[in-house]
Amino acid sequence: MNLIADLHDCRCVPGFLLDAPGLESFCVDACQRHGLTVVGRLFHAFRDASGQPAGVTGTVVLADPTSPCIPRRAYLAGDCQRDARCLRL
């Protein structure tokens, strides 16, 4: 499973999209509620030039060996993203 989301102008509590620990908990909890196995996570908060919160980037790594579309060995999938460009490995 590969889900990428760029969120902006969301109808959420002001500041939620700037709260790295809060977003991490939200994303991990959502995965676990749906029976997915979380094997890793990393969330990082960004600040602007004046030191104010400016955004968050994050990832949740899942183990899902039951998926029929993913080979079980000799397989690598990855995404490298920057400025709306993507390199698929």
Protein backbone atom coordinates (compact mmCIF):
# COMPACT_ATOMS: atom_id res chain seq x y z
CA MET A 1 0.00 0.00 0.00
CA ASN A 2 1.32 3.42 -0.89
CA LEU A 3 -0.73 6.45 0.10
CA ILE A 4 0.63 9.95 -0.36
CA ALA A 5 -1.33 13.00 0.80
CA ASP A 6 -0.60 16.71 0.48
CA LEU A 7 -3.02 18.38 2.88
CA HIS A 8 -3.86 22.09 2.88
CA ASP A 9 -6.92 24.24 3.53
CA CYS A 10 -8.34 21.42 5.66
CA ARG A 11 -11.35 21.86 7.90
CA CYS A 12 -9.59 20.94 11.11
CA VAL A 13 -8.66 22.66 14.34
CA PRO A 14 -6.26 25.55 13.56
CA GLY A 15 -2.72 24.39 14.12
CA PHE A 16 -3.44 20.65 13.77
CA LEU A 17 -1.46 20.43 10.52
CA LEU A 18 1.48 22.11 12.28
CA ASP A 19 1.53 19.65 15.21
CA ALA A 20 4.00 16.86 14.30
CA PRO A 21 3.37 14.74 17.44
CA GLY A 22 -0.41 15.14 17.06
CA LEU A 23 -0.34 14.16 13.37
CA GLU A 24 1.89 11.20 14.13
CA SER A 25 -0.54 9.91 16.78
CA PHE A 26 -3.51 10.50 14.48
CA CYS A 27 -1.94 8.62 11.56
CA VAL A 28 -0.60 5.72 13.62
CA ASP A 29 -3.90 5.33 15.48
CA ALA A 30 -5.83 5.34 12.18
CA CYS A 31 -3.60 2.61 10.76
CA GLN A 32 -3.91 0.46 13.87
CA ARG A 33 -7.71 0.93 14.04
CA HIS A 34 -7.91 -0.57 10.56
CA GLY A 35 -5.79 -3.59 11.46
CA LEU A 36 -2.54 -2.48 9.84
CA THR A 37 0.80 -3.25 11.47
CA VAL A 38 2.97 -0.17 12.02
CA VAL A 39 6.69 -1.03 11.87
CA GLY A 40 8.09 2.50 11.72
CA ARG A 41 7.22 6.18 11.77
CA LEU A 42 8.94 9.51 11.37
CA PHE A 43 7.39 12.99 11.54
CA HIS A 44 9.28 16.26 11.29
CA ALA A 45 8.02 19.82 11.91
CA PHE A 46 9.33 22.65 9.73
CA ARG A 47 9.72 26.28 10.77
CA ASP A 48 9.84 29.38 8.58
CA ALA A 49 12.69 31.93 8.56
CA SER A 50 11.25 33.68 11.62
CA GLY A 51 11.01 30.42 13.59
CA GLN A 52 7.23 30.04 13.30
CA PRO A 53 5.66 26.62 12.57
CA ALA A 54 5.38 26.16 8.81
CA GLY A 55 4.39 22.54 8.19
CA VAL A 56 4.97 18.88 8.88
CA THR A 57 6.19 15.97 6.83
CA GLY A 58 5.70 12.45 8.01
CA THR A 59 5.60 8.81 7.13
CA VAL A 60 4.18 5.64 8.64
CA VAL A 61 5.79 2.40 7.48
CA LEU A 62 3.45 -0.60 7.41
CA ALA A 63 3.97 -4.36 7.27
CA ASP A 64 1.23 -6.03 5.29
CA PRO A 65 2.35 -9.49 4.17
CA THR A 66 -1.24 -10.48 3.36
CA SER A 67 -1.44 -8.21 0.33
CA PRO A 68 -1.64 -10.39 -2.81
CA CYS A 69 -0.03 -7.73 -5.00
CA ILE A 70 3.27 -7.50 -3.10
CA PRO A 71 5.92 -10.19 -3.66
CA ARG A 72 7.23 -11.61 -0.40
CA ARG A 73 10.95 -11.51 -1.29
CA ALA A 74 13.45 -9.88 -3.65
CA TYR A 75 11.30 -6.74 -3.87
CA LEU A 76 12.02 -3.07 -3.27
CA ALA A 77 9.55 -0.20 -3.51
CA GLY A 78 10.38 3.38 -2.74
CA ASP A 79 9.40 6.97 -3.32
CA CYS A 80 11.70 9.95 -3.26
CA GLN A 81 9.81 13.24 -3.36
CA ARG A 82 10.80 16.86 -3.52
CA ASP A 83 8.94 19.85 -4.94
CA ALA A 84 6.15 17.79 -6.52
CA ARG A 85 8.60 15.63 -8.49
CA CYS A 86 8.75 11.91 -7.83
CA LEU A 87 11.41 9.31 -8.54
CA ARG A 88 10.06 5.77 -8.53
CA LEU A 89 12.61 3.07 -7.73
